[in-house]
Amino acid sequence: MEVFMRRYILILGMFLQASYVESYCKAFFAPGDNLTALLIERIVAEKSSIYGAVYMLTDKKISQALIDAKKRGVDVQMIIDQVSMCTCGKGKFLQEAGVPVFVHRTQEFNPYTMPLMHHKFFVFGCNQDNAPLLWTGSWNCTIRGTQYNDENVLIIDDVQAINKYVDRFMQLKQRLQ
């Protein structure tokens, strides 16, 4: 399935690059833009796959949207840092609902000294305009990140950038299996 998805994104990307040259990049900021609602819109619109790598995932609305996507047949896979497996994190919630969750763990759990899986990105396989999209930035999937922190998100449709993120996701996933 992973090989198929990578080929699909690559072929779709070549088709899209041949049909138009310009790509877009939209910027959003918190507080101000409702990043939670924007991400959920993308999750709901997804038709094929969602690969997410996020350090902090505590927002139940986002987690539920990912579960709902999985239930409607979208290939949802998540990589999270072990901090999201704690009480307020939603890693276990996703796992219990059947979403594959790959956890970055270290021997000693100390968020100040341990190496982190600090990415914050989602790759959507077939989203807006039936094209792949990349969601990336500083924002963690938390209520605090949306309402209080100064955060940023970029939504990008550049196929070369998307492919690099898919490659990185697969490398991380392989390392964590």
N, C-alpha and C. Protein backbone atom coordinates (compact mmCIF):
# COMPACT_ATOMS: atom_id res chain seq x y z
N MET A 1 0.82 -1.19 0.00
CA MET A 1 0.00 0.00 0.00
C MET A 1 0.86 1.26 0.00
N GLU A 2 1.96 1.24 0.80
CA GLU A 2 2.83 2.41 0.87
C GLU A 2 3.48 2.68 -0.48
N VAL A 3 3.95 1.62 -1.15
CA VAL A 3 4.58 1.79 -2.46
C VAL A 3 3.56 2.34 -3.44
N PHE A 4 2.34 1.80 -3.39
CA PHE A 4 1.28 2.28 -4.26
C PHE A 4 1.01 3.77 -4.02
N MET A 5 0.93 4.16 -2.75
CA MET A 5 0.64 5.55 -2.41
C MET A 5 1.74 6.48 -2.90
N ARG A 6 2.98 6.07 -2.72
CA ARG A 6 4.09 6.91 -3.17
C ARG A 6 4.06 7.06 -4.69
N ARG A 7 3.79 5.96 -5.39
CA ARG A 7 3.70 6.03 -6.86
C ARG A 7 2.52 6.90 -7.28
N TYR A 8 1.40 6.74 -6.59
CA TYR A 8 0.21 7.53 -6.90
C TYR A 8 0.51 9.02 -6.77
N ILE A 9 1.12 9.41 -5.67
CA ILE A 9 1.45 10.82 -5.46
C ILE A 9 2.43 11.30 -6.52
N LEU A 10 3.42 10.49 -6.84
CA LEU A 10 4.41 10.87 -7.85
C LEU A 10 3.77 11.04 -9.22
N ILE A 11 2.95 10.07 -9.63
CA ILE A 11 2.29 10.15 -10.94
C ILE A 11 1.32 11.32 -10.98
N LEU A 12 0.54 11.46 -9.93
CA LEU A 12 -0.38 12.59 -9.86
C LEU A 12 0.38 13.90 -9.92
N GLY A 13 1.49 13.96 -9.23
CA GLY A 13 2.31 15.16 -9.24
C GLY A 13 2.85 15.49 -10.61
N MET A 14 3.31 14.48 -11.34
CA MET A 14 3.82 14.73 -12.69
C MET A 14 2.69 15.23 -13.58
N PHE A 15 1.50 14.66 -13.45
CA PHE A 15 0.36 15.12 -14.23
C PHE A 15 0.03 16.56 -13.89
N LEU A 16 0.00 16.87 -12.62
CA LEU A 16 -0.34 18.23 -12.21
C LEU A 16 0.71 19.23 -12.64
N GLN A 17 1.98 18.84 -12.56
CA GLN A 17 3.03 19.76 -13.00
C GLN A 17 2.95 19.99 -14.50
N ALA A 18 2.53 18.98 -15.24
CA ALA A 18 2.40 19.15 -16.68
C ALA A 18 1.21 20.02 -17.03
N SER A 19 0.17 20.00 -16.20
CA SER A 19 -1.04 20.75 -16.52
C SER A 19 -0.97 22.21 -16.08
N TYR A 20 -0.20 22.51 -15.08
CA TYR A 20 0.01 23.90 -14.69
C TYR A 20 1.33 24.01 -13.95
N VAL A 21 1.96 25.16 -14.08
CA VAL A 21 3.29 25.33 -13.52
C VAL A 21 3.24 25.88 -12.10
N GLU A 22 2.30 26.75 -11.85
CA GLU A 22 2.27 27.42 -10.56
C GLU A 22 1.76 26.51 -9.46
N SER A 23 2.41 26.62 -8.33
CA SER A 23 1.91 25.95 -7.13
C SER A 23 1.53 27.06 -6.16
N TYR A 24 0.84 26.68 -5.12
CA TYR A 24 0.47 27.71 -4.16
C TYR A 24 0.94 27.34 -2.77
N CYS A 25 1.03 28.38 -1.98
CA CYS A 25 1.40 28.24 -0.58
C CYS A 25 0.56 29.27 0.17
N LYS A 26 -0.26 28.78 1.09
CA LYS A 26 -1.10 29.67 1.89
C LYS A 26 -0.59 29.67 3.32
N ALA A 27 -0.52 30.84 3.92
CA ALA A 27 -0.02 30.98 5.30
C ALA A 27 -1.17 31.32 6.24
N PHE A 28 -1.10 30.70 7.42
CA PHE A 28 -2.09 30.94 8.47
C PHE A 28 -1.36 31.11 9.79
N PHE A 29 -1.98 31.86 10.70
CA PHE A 29 -1.34 32.14 11.99
C PHE A 29 -2.34 32.00 13.14
N ALA A 30 -1.80 31.60 14.27
CA ALA A 30 -2.57 31.57 15.51
C ALA A 30 -1.82 32.41 16.53
N PRO A 31 -2.56 33.05 17.44
CA PRO A 31 -4.01 33.11 17.42
C PRO A 31 -4.50 33.97 16.25
N GLY A 32 -5.73 33.80 15.94
CA GLY A 32 -6.34 34.54 14.84
C GLY A 32 -7.05 33.60 13.89
N ASP A 33 -6.28 32.86 13.11
CA ASP A 33 -6.88 31.86 12.24
C ASP A 33 -7.20 30.63 13.08
N ASN A 34 -8.33 30.04 12.85
CA ASN A 34 -8.71 28.83 13.59
C ASN A 34 -8.05 27.63 12.94
N LEU A 35 -6.83 27.33 13.37
CA LEU A 35 -6.05 26.26 12.75
C LEU A 35 -6.70 24.90 12.94
N THR A 36 -7.36 24.69 14.06
CA THR A 36 -8.05 23.42 14.29
C THR A 36 -9.13 23.22 13.23
N ALA A 37 -9.96 24.22 13.01
CA ALA A 37 -11.03 24.11 12.01
C ALA A 37 -10.47 23.94 10.61
N LEU A 38 -9.39 24.66 10.29
CA LEU A 38 -8.77 24.53 8.97
C LEU A 38 -8.24 23.11 8.74
N LEU A 39 -7.59 22.54 9.76
CA LEU A 39 -7.06 21.18 9.62
C LEU A 39 -8.21 20.18 9.49
N ILE A 40 -9.23 20.33 10.30
CA ILE A 40 -10.37 19.41 10.21
C ILE A 40 -11.03 19.49 8.84
N GLU A 41 -11.12 20.67 8.24
CA GLU A 41 -11.64 20.80 6.87
C GLU A 41 -10.83 19.95 5.90
N ARG A 42 -9.52 20.00 6.03
CA ARG A 42 -8.64 19.21 5.15
C ARG A 42 -8.84 17.71 5.42
N ILE A 43 -8.95 17.33 6.68
CA ILE A 43 -9.15 15.91 7.01
C ILE A 43 -10.47 15.42 6.42
N VAL A 44 -11.53 16.19 6.57
CA VAL A 44 -12.85 15.81 6.05
C VAL A 44 -12.83 15.73 4.53
N ALA A 45 -12.06 16.59 3.87
CA ALA A 45 -12.01 16.62 2.41
C ALA A 45 -11.14 15.51 1.81
N GLU A 46 -10.34 14.85 2.63
CA GLU A 46 -9.38 13.86 2.10
C GLU A 46 -10.09 12.63 1.55
N LYS A 47 -9.57 12.15 0.40
CA LYS A 47 -10.16 11.01 -0.28
C LYS A 47 -9.30 9.76 -0.24
N SER A 48 -7.99 9.87 0.02
CA SER A 48 -7.16 8.66 -0.08
C SER A 48 -6.27 8.40 1.13
N SER A 49 -5.43 9.37 1.53
CA SER A 49 -4.48 9.08 2.62
C SER A 49 -4.13 10.33 3.40
N ILE A 50 -3.85 10.12 4.68
CA ILE A 50 -3.35 11.17 5.56
C ILE A 50 -2.18 10.58 6.33
N TYR A 51 -1.00 11.14 6.10
CA TYR A 51 0.19 10.75 6.87
C TYR A 51 0.55 11.94 7.74
N GLY A 52 0.49 11.77 9.05
CA GLY A 52 0.78 12.87 9.96
C GLY A 52 1.94 12.55 10.87
N ALA A 53 2.79 13.53 11.08
CA ALA A 53 3.88 13.43 12.06
C ALA A 53 3.78 14.68 12.93
N VAL A 54 3.35 14.48 14.17
CA VAL A 54 3.16 15.62 15.06
C VAL A 54 3.74 15.32 16.43
N TYR A 55 4.40 16.31 16.97
CA TYR A 55 4.98 16.18 18.30
C TYR A 55 3.89 16.07 19.36
N MET A 56 2.99 17.02 19.36
CA MET A 56 1.97 17.11 20.42
C MET A 56 0.58 17.01 19.80
N LEU A 57 -0.18 16.03 20.22
CA LEU A 57 -1.56 15.85 19.75
C LEU A 57 -2.45 15.65 20.97
N THR A 58 -3.15 16.73 21.36
CA THR A 58 -4.05 16.65 22.51
C THR A 58 -5.48 17.05 22.15
N ASP A 59 -5.69 17.56 20.95
CA ASP A 59 -7.01 18.06 20.57
C ASP A 59 -7.92 16.89 20.15
N LYS A 60 -8.98 16.67 20.91
CA LYS A 60 -9.88 15.54 20.65
C LYS A 60 -10.64 15.72 19.35
N LYS A 61 -10.98 16.95 18.96
CA LYS A 61 -11.71 17.17 17.71
C LYS A 61 -10.88 16.72 16.51
N ILE A 62 -9.59 17.04 16.52
CA ILE A 62 -8.71 16.62 15.44
C ILE A 62 -8.57 15.10 15.44
N SER A 63 -8.36 14.53 16.61
CA SER A 63 -8.23 13.08 16.73
C SER A 63 -9.49 12.38 16.23
N GLN A 64 -10.65 12.90 16.59
CA GLN A 64 -11.91 12.29 16.14
C GLN A 64 -12.06 12.42 14.63
N ALA A 65 -11.66 13.54 14.06
CA ALA A 65 -11.72 13.71 12.60
C ALA A 65 -10.83 12.69 11.90
N LEU A 66 -9.65 12.42 12.47
CA LEU A 66 -8.76 11.40 11.89
C LEU A 66 -9.40 10.02 11.98
N ILE A 67 -10.02 9.71 13.09
CA ILE A 67 -10.72 8.43 13.26
C ILE A 67 -11.87 8.31 12.26
N ASP A 68 -12.63 9.38 12.10
CA ASP A 68 -13.75 9.37 11.15
C ASP A 68 -13.24 9.17 9.72
N ALA A 69 -12.10 9.78 9.39
CA ALA A 69 -11.51 9.58 8.06
C ALA A 69 -11.13 8.12 7.87
N LYS A 70 -10.52 7.53 8.87
CA LYS A 70 -10.15 6.10 8.81
C LYS A 70 -11.40 5.25 8.58
N LYS A 71 -12.48 5.57 9.28
CA LYS A 71 -13.73 4.80 9.15
C LYS A 71 -14.33 4.90 7.76
N ARG A 72 -14.09 6.01 7.06
CA ARG A 72 -14.65 6.12 5.71
C ARG A 72 -13.67 5.63 4.63
N GLY A 73 -12.59 4.96 5.06
CA GLY A 73 -11.70 4.30 4.12
C GLY A 73 -10.42 5.03 3.78
N VAL A 74 -10.16 6.15 4.41
CA VAL A 74 -8.91 6.89 4.17
C VAL A 74 -7.78 6.18 4.92
N ASP A 75 -6.64 6.03 4.27
CA ASP A 75 -5.45 5.44 4.90
C ASP A 75 -4.84 6.49 5.83
N VAL A 76 -5.14 6.39 7.11
CA VAL A 76 -4.64 7.35 8.11
C VAL A 76 -3.53 6.67 8.89
N GLN A 77 -2.36 7.31 8.94
CA GLN A 77 -1.23 6.82 9.73
C GLN A 77 -0.61 8.01 10.44
N MET A 78 -0.26 7.81 11.70
CA MET A 78 0.29 8.90 12.50
C MET A 78 1.61 8.50 13.14
N ILE A 79 2.54 9.44 13.16
CA ILE A 79 3.77 9.33 13.93
C ILE A 79 3.69 10.42 15.00
N ILE A 80 3.89 10.02 16.25
CA ILE A 80 3.83 10.99 17.34
C ILE A 80 5.01 10.78 18.27
N ASP A 81 5.32 11.79 19.02
CA ASP A 81 6.32 11.66 20.07
C ASP A 81 5.65 11.02 21.28
N GLN A 82 6.44 10.39 22.13
CA GLN A 82 5.86 9.69 23.28
C GLN A 82 5.10 10.62 24.22
N VAL A 83 5.37 11.91 24.15
CA VAL A 83 4.63 12.86 24.99
C VAL A 83 3.13 12.81 24.68
N SER A 84 2.76 12.44 23.45
CA SER A 84 1.34 12.36 23.08
C SER A 84 0.69 11.04 23.48
N MET A 85 1.45 10.18 24.14
CA MET A 85 0.88 8.94 24.68
C MET A 85 0.52 9.11 26.16
N CYS A 86 0.82 10.28 26.72
CA CYS A 86 0.51 10.54 28.13
C CYS A 86 -0.98 10.81 28.30
N THR A 87 -1.38 11.11 29.50
CA THR A 87 -2.78 11.28 29.87
C THR A 87 -3.53 12.26 28.97
N CYS A 88 -2.97 13.42 28.71
CA CYS A 88 -3.69 14.42 27.91
C CYS A 88 -3.52 14.20 26.41
N GLY A 89 -2.56 13.37 26.00
CA GLY A 89 -2.34 13.09 24.59
C GLY A 89 -3.41 12.17 24.02
N LYS A 90 -3.52 12.17 22.71
CA LYS A 90 -4.56 11.38 22.05
C LYS A 90 -4.00 10.18 21.28
N GLY A 91 -2.76 9.79 21.54
CA GLY A 91 -2.16 8.64 20.86
C GLY A 91 -2.92 7.36 21.13
N LYS A 92 -3.21 7.08 22.38
CA LYS A 92 -3.94 5.85 22.74
C LYS A 92 -5.36 5.88 22.18
N PHE A 93 -5.99 7.04 22.20
CA PHE A 93 -7.34 7.21 21.65
C PHE A 93 -7.35 6.81 20.18
N LEU A 94 -6.35 7.26 19.41
CA LEU A 94 -6.25 6.89 18.00
C LEU A 94 -6.01 5.40 17.84
N GLN A 95 -5.06 4.86 18.61
CA GLN A 95 -4.76 3.43 18.53
C GLN A 95 -5.99 2.58 18.82
N GLU A 96 -6.71 2.92 19.86
CA GLU A 96 -7.89 2.15 20.24
C GLU A 96 -8.97 2.18 19.16
N ALA A 97 -8.95 3.20 18.32
CA ALA A 97 -9.92 3.31 17.22
C ALA A 97 -9.40 2.67 15.94
N GLY A 98 -8.21 2.07 15.99
CA GLY A 98 -7.68 1.37 14.82
C GLY A 98 -6.77 2.17 13.92
N VAL A 99 -6.41 3.37 14.31
CA VAL A 99 -5.48 4.18 13.51
C VAL A 99 -4.06 3.72 13.83
N PRO A 100 -3.27 3.36 12.81
CA PRO A 100 -1.88 3.01 13.07
C PRO A 100 -1.11 4.22 13.62
N VAL A 101 -0.54 4.05 14.80
CA VAL A 101 0.22 5.11 15.47
C VAL A 101 1.62 4.58 15.74
N PHE A 102 2.62 5.29 15.26
CA PHE A 102 4.01 4.94 15.46
C PHE A 102 4.59 5.95 16.44
N VAL A 103 5.15 5.46 17.54
CA VAL A 103 5.55 6.33 18.64
C VAL A 103 7.06 6.44 18.72
N HIS A 104 7.55 7.67 18.71
CA HIS A 104 8.97 7.95 18.93
C HIS A 104 9.22 7.88 20.43
N ARG A 105 9.98 6.89 20.85
CA ARG A 105 10.26 6.71 22.28
C ARG A 105 11.76 6.83 22.53
N THR A 106 12.09 7.31 23.70
CA THR A 106 13.48 7.32 24.14
C THR A 106 13.55 6.55 25.45
N GLN A 107 14.76 6.18 25.83
CA GLN A 107 14.92 5.36 27.03
C GLN A 107 14.49 6.11 28.28
N GLU A 108 14.85 7.36 28.37
CA GLU A 108 14.49 8.16 29.55
C GLU A 108 13.51 9.23 29.11
N PHE A 109 12.33 9.25 29.72
CA PHE A 109 11.32 10.24 29.35
C PHE A 109 11.58 11.53 30.11
N ASN A 110 12.30 12.43 29.47
CA ASN A 110 12.56 13.75 30.03
C ASN A 110 12.46 14.74 28.87
N PRO A 111 11.35 15.48 28.77
CA PRO A 111 11.15 16.35 27.61
C PRO A 111 12.19 17.46 27.46
N TYR A 112 13.03 17.66 28.48
CA TYR A 112 14.03 18.73 28.40
C TYR A 112 15.37 18.23 27.88
N THR A 113 15.65 16.94 28.00
CA THR A 113 16.96 16.44 27.59
C THR A 113 16.91 15.38 26.51
N MET A 114 15.76 14.77 26.27
CA MET A 114 15.70 13.68 25.30
C MET A 114 15.54 14.23 23.89
N PRO A 115 15.97 13.45 22.89
CA PRO A 115 15.69 13.86 21.51
C PRO A 115 14.20 13.71 21.23
N LEU A 116 13.63 14.67 20.55
CA LEU A 116 12.20 14.68 20.28
C LEU A 116 11.91 14.36 18.83
N MET A 117 10.74 13.83 18.56
CA MET A 117 10.20 13.81 17.21
C MET A 117 9.35 15.08 17.17
N HIS A 118 9.93 16.14 16.66
CA HIS A 118 9.35 17.48 16.81
C HIS A 118 8.66 17.98 15.55
N HIS A 119 8.43 17.11 14.58
CA HIS A 119 7.74 17.51 13.36
C HIS A 119 6.29 17.89 13.66
N LYS A 120 5.75 18.69 12.75
CA LYS A 120 4.33 19.06 12.80
C LYS A 120 3.86 19.16 11.36
N PHE A 121 3.56 18.00 10.75
CA PHE A 121 3.10 18.04 9.36
C PHE A 121 2.08 16.94 9.08
N PHE A 122 1.26 17.21 8.06
CA PHE A 122 0.32 16.24 7.52
C PHE A 122 0.47 16.26 6.01
N VAL A 123 0.51 15.08 5.41
CA VAL A 123 0.50 14.96 3.96
C VAL A 123 -0.85 14.35 3.58
N PHE A 124 -1.57 15.06 2.74
CA PHE A 124 -2.87 14.60 2.25
C PHE A 124 -2.68 14.11 0.82
N GLY A 125 -3.12 12.89 0.52
CA GLY A 125 -2.87 12.28 -0.78
C GLY A 125 -3.74 12.79 -1.90
N CYS A 126 -5.00 13.07 -1.63
CA CYS A 126 -5.93 13.52 -2.67
C CYS A 126 -6.96 14.42 -2.00
N ASN A 127 -6.70 15.71 -2.00
CA ASN A 127 -7.49 16.64 -1.21
C ASN A 127 -8.13 17.68 -2.09
N GLN A 128 -7.91 18.92 -1.78
CA GLN A 128 -8.47 20.04 -2.52
C GLN A 128 -8.12 19.92 -3.99
N ASP A 129 -9.10 20.08 -4.87
CA ASP A 129 -8.91 19.95 -6.32
C ASP A 129 -8.36 18.58 -6.70
N ASN A 130 -8.66 17.55 -5.91
CA ASN A 130 -8.17 16.19 -6.16
C ASN A 130 -6.66 16.12 -6.27
N ALA A 131 -5.98 16.93 -5.51
CA ALA A 131 -4.52 17.00 -5.55
C ALA A 131 -3.95 16.76 -4.15
N PRO A 132 -2.69 16.34 -4.08
CA PRO A 132 -2.05 16.21 -2.77
C PRO A 132 -1.78 17.57 -2.15
N LEU A 133 -1.77 17.61 -0.83
CA LEU A 133 -1.48 18.84 -0.09
C LEU A 133 -0.55 18.53 1.07
N LEU A 134 0.24 19.53 1.42
CA LEU A 134 1.11 19.46 2.59
C LEU A 134 0.67 20.53 3.58
N TRP A 135 0.54 20.14 4.83
CA TRP A 135 0.23 21.04 5.95
C TRP A 135 1.44 20.99 6.86
N THR A 136 2.12 22.11 7.08
CA THR A 136 3.32 22.10 7.91
C THR A 136 3.49 23.45 8.60
N GLY A 137 4.23 23.47 9.68
CA GLY A 137 4.49 24.71 10.39
C GLY A 137 4.89 24.44 11.83
N SER A 138 4.76 25.45 12.66
CA SER A 138 5.18 25.34 14.06
C SER A 138 4.08 24.82 14.97
N TRP A 139 2.86 24.78 14.48
CA TRP A 139 1.67 24.52 15.29
C TRP A 139 1.56 23.07 15.73
N ASN A 140 1.38 22.86 17.03
CA ASN A 140 1.02 21.56 17.57
C ASN A 140 -0.50 21.44 17.58
N CYS A 141 -1.00 20.22 17.48
CA CYS A 141 -2.44 19.97 17.44
C CYS A 141 -3.02 20.03 18.84
N THR A 142 -3.05 21.24 19.38
CA THR A 142 -3.52 21.46 20.74
C THR A 142 -4.45 22.67 20.76
N ILE A 143 -5.33 22.70 21.72
CA ILE A 143 -6.21 23.86 21.89
C ILE A 143 -5.36 25.08 22.22
N ARG A 144 -4.39 24.90 23.08
CA ARG A 144 -3.49 26.00 23.46
C ARG A 144 -2.76 26.57 22.23
N GLY A 145 -2.32 25.68 21.35
CA GLY A 145 -1.63 26.12 20.14
C GLY A 145 -2.50 26.97 19.24
N THR A 146 -3.79 26.70 19.22
CA THR A 146 -4.71 27.46 18.39
C THR A 146 -5.14 28.76 19.05
N GLN A 147 -5.42 28.72 20.34
CA GLN A 147 -6.02 29.87 21.00
C GLN A 147 -5.03 30.84 21.62
N TYR A 148 -3.86 30.36 22.02
CA TYR A 148 -2.97 31.22 22.81
C TYR A 148 -1.57 31.41 22.24
N ASN A 149 -0.99 30.37 21.69
CA ASN A 149 0.40 30.45 21.23
C ASN A 149 0.52 31.21 19.92
N ASP A 150 1.67 31.82 19.69
CA ASP A 150 1.99 32.38 18.38
C ASP A 150 2.53 31.24 17.53
N GLU A 151 1.75 30.83 16.54
CA GLU A 151 2.07 29.67 15.71
C GLU A 151 1.84 30.00 14.25
N ASN A 152 2.36 29.14 13.38
CA ASN A 152 2.16 29.31 11.95
C ASN A 152 1.91 27.97 11.28
N VAL A 153 1.20 28.03 10.16
CA VAL A 153 0.96 26.86 9.32
C VAL A 153 1.04 27.31 7.87
N LEU A 154 1.66 26.47 7.04
CA LEU A 154 1.67 26.66 5.60
C LEU A 154 0.93 25.49 4.97
N ILE A 155 0.08 25.77 4.01
CA ILE A 155 -0.55 24.72 3.20
C ILE A 155 0.03 24.87 1.80
N ILE A 156 0.65 23.80 1.33
CA ILE A 156 1.46 23.84 0.11
C ILE A 156 1.00 22.72 -0.82
N ASP A 157 0.95 23.02 -2.12
CA ASP A 157 0.61 21.97 -3.08
C ASP A 157 1.78 21.61 -4.00
N ASP A 158 2.98 22.06 -3.66
CA ASP A 158 4.16 21.76 -4.47
C ASP A 158 4.51 20.27 -4.35
N VAL A 159 4.47 19.56 -5.46
CA VAL A 159 4.64 18.11 -5.45
C VAL A 159 6.04 17.70 -5.00
N GLN A 160 7.05 18.45 -5.37
CA GLN A 160 8.41 18.10 -4.92
C GLN A 160 8.52 18.19 -3.40
N ALA A 161 7.97 19.23 -2.83
CA ALA A 161 7.99 19.37 -1.37
C ALA A 161 7.17 18.25 -0.73
N ILE A 162 6.01 17.96 -1.29
CA ILE A 162 5.16 16.90 -0.75
C ILE A 162 5.90 15.57 -0.77
N ASN A 163 6.56 15.26 -1.88
CA ASN A 163 7.29 13.99 -1.98
C ASN A 163 8.41 13.90 -0.95
N LYS A 164 9.08 15.01 -0.66
CA LYS A 164 10.12 14.99 0.38
C LYS A 164 9.52 14.67 1.75
N TYR A 165 8.36 15.23 2.02
CA TYR A 165 7.70 14.95 3.29
C TYR A 165 7.21 13.50 3.36
N VAL A 166 6.70 12.96 2.25
CA VAL A 166 6.29 11.55 2.24
C VAL A 166 7.51 10.67 2.50
N ASP A 167 8.63 10.99 1.85
CA ASP A 167 9.87 10.22 2.07
C ASP A 167 10.29 10.28 3.54
N ARG A 168 10.22 11.45 4.13
CA ARG A 168 10.62 11.59 5.53
C ARG A 168 9.67 10.81 6.44
N PHE A 169 8.39 10.87 6.15
CA PHE A 169 7.41 10.12 6.93
C PHE A 169 7.75 8.63 6.89
N MET A 170 8.02 8.11 5.69
CA MET A 170 8.32 6.68 5.54
C MET A 170 9.62 6.31 6.26
N GLN A 171 10.62 7.20 6.21
CA GLN A 171 11.87 6.93 6.93
C GLN A 171 11.62 6.86 8.44
N LEU A 172 10.88 7.82 8.96
CA LEU A 172 10.56 7.82 10.39
C LEU A 172 9.77 6.58 10.77
N LYS A 173 8.78 6.27 9.98
CA LYS A 173 7.93 5.11 10.26
C LYS A 173 8.76 3.82 10.29
N GLN A 174 9.63 3.67 9.31
CA GLN A 174 10.47 2.47 9.26
C GLN A 174 11.36 2.38 10.49
N ARG A 175 11.90 3.50 10.91
CA ARG A 175 12.76 3.53 12.09
C ARG A 175 12.00 3.17 13.37
N LEU A 176 10.71 3.46 13.40
CA LEU A 176 9.92 3.25 14.62
C LEU A 176 9.22 1.90 14.67
N GLN A 177 9.27 1.13 13.60
CA GLN A 177 8.59 -0.18 13.58
C GLN A 177 9.39 -1.23 14.31
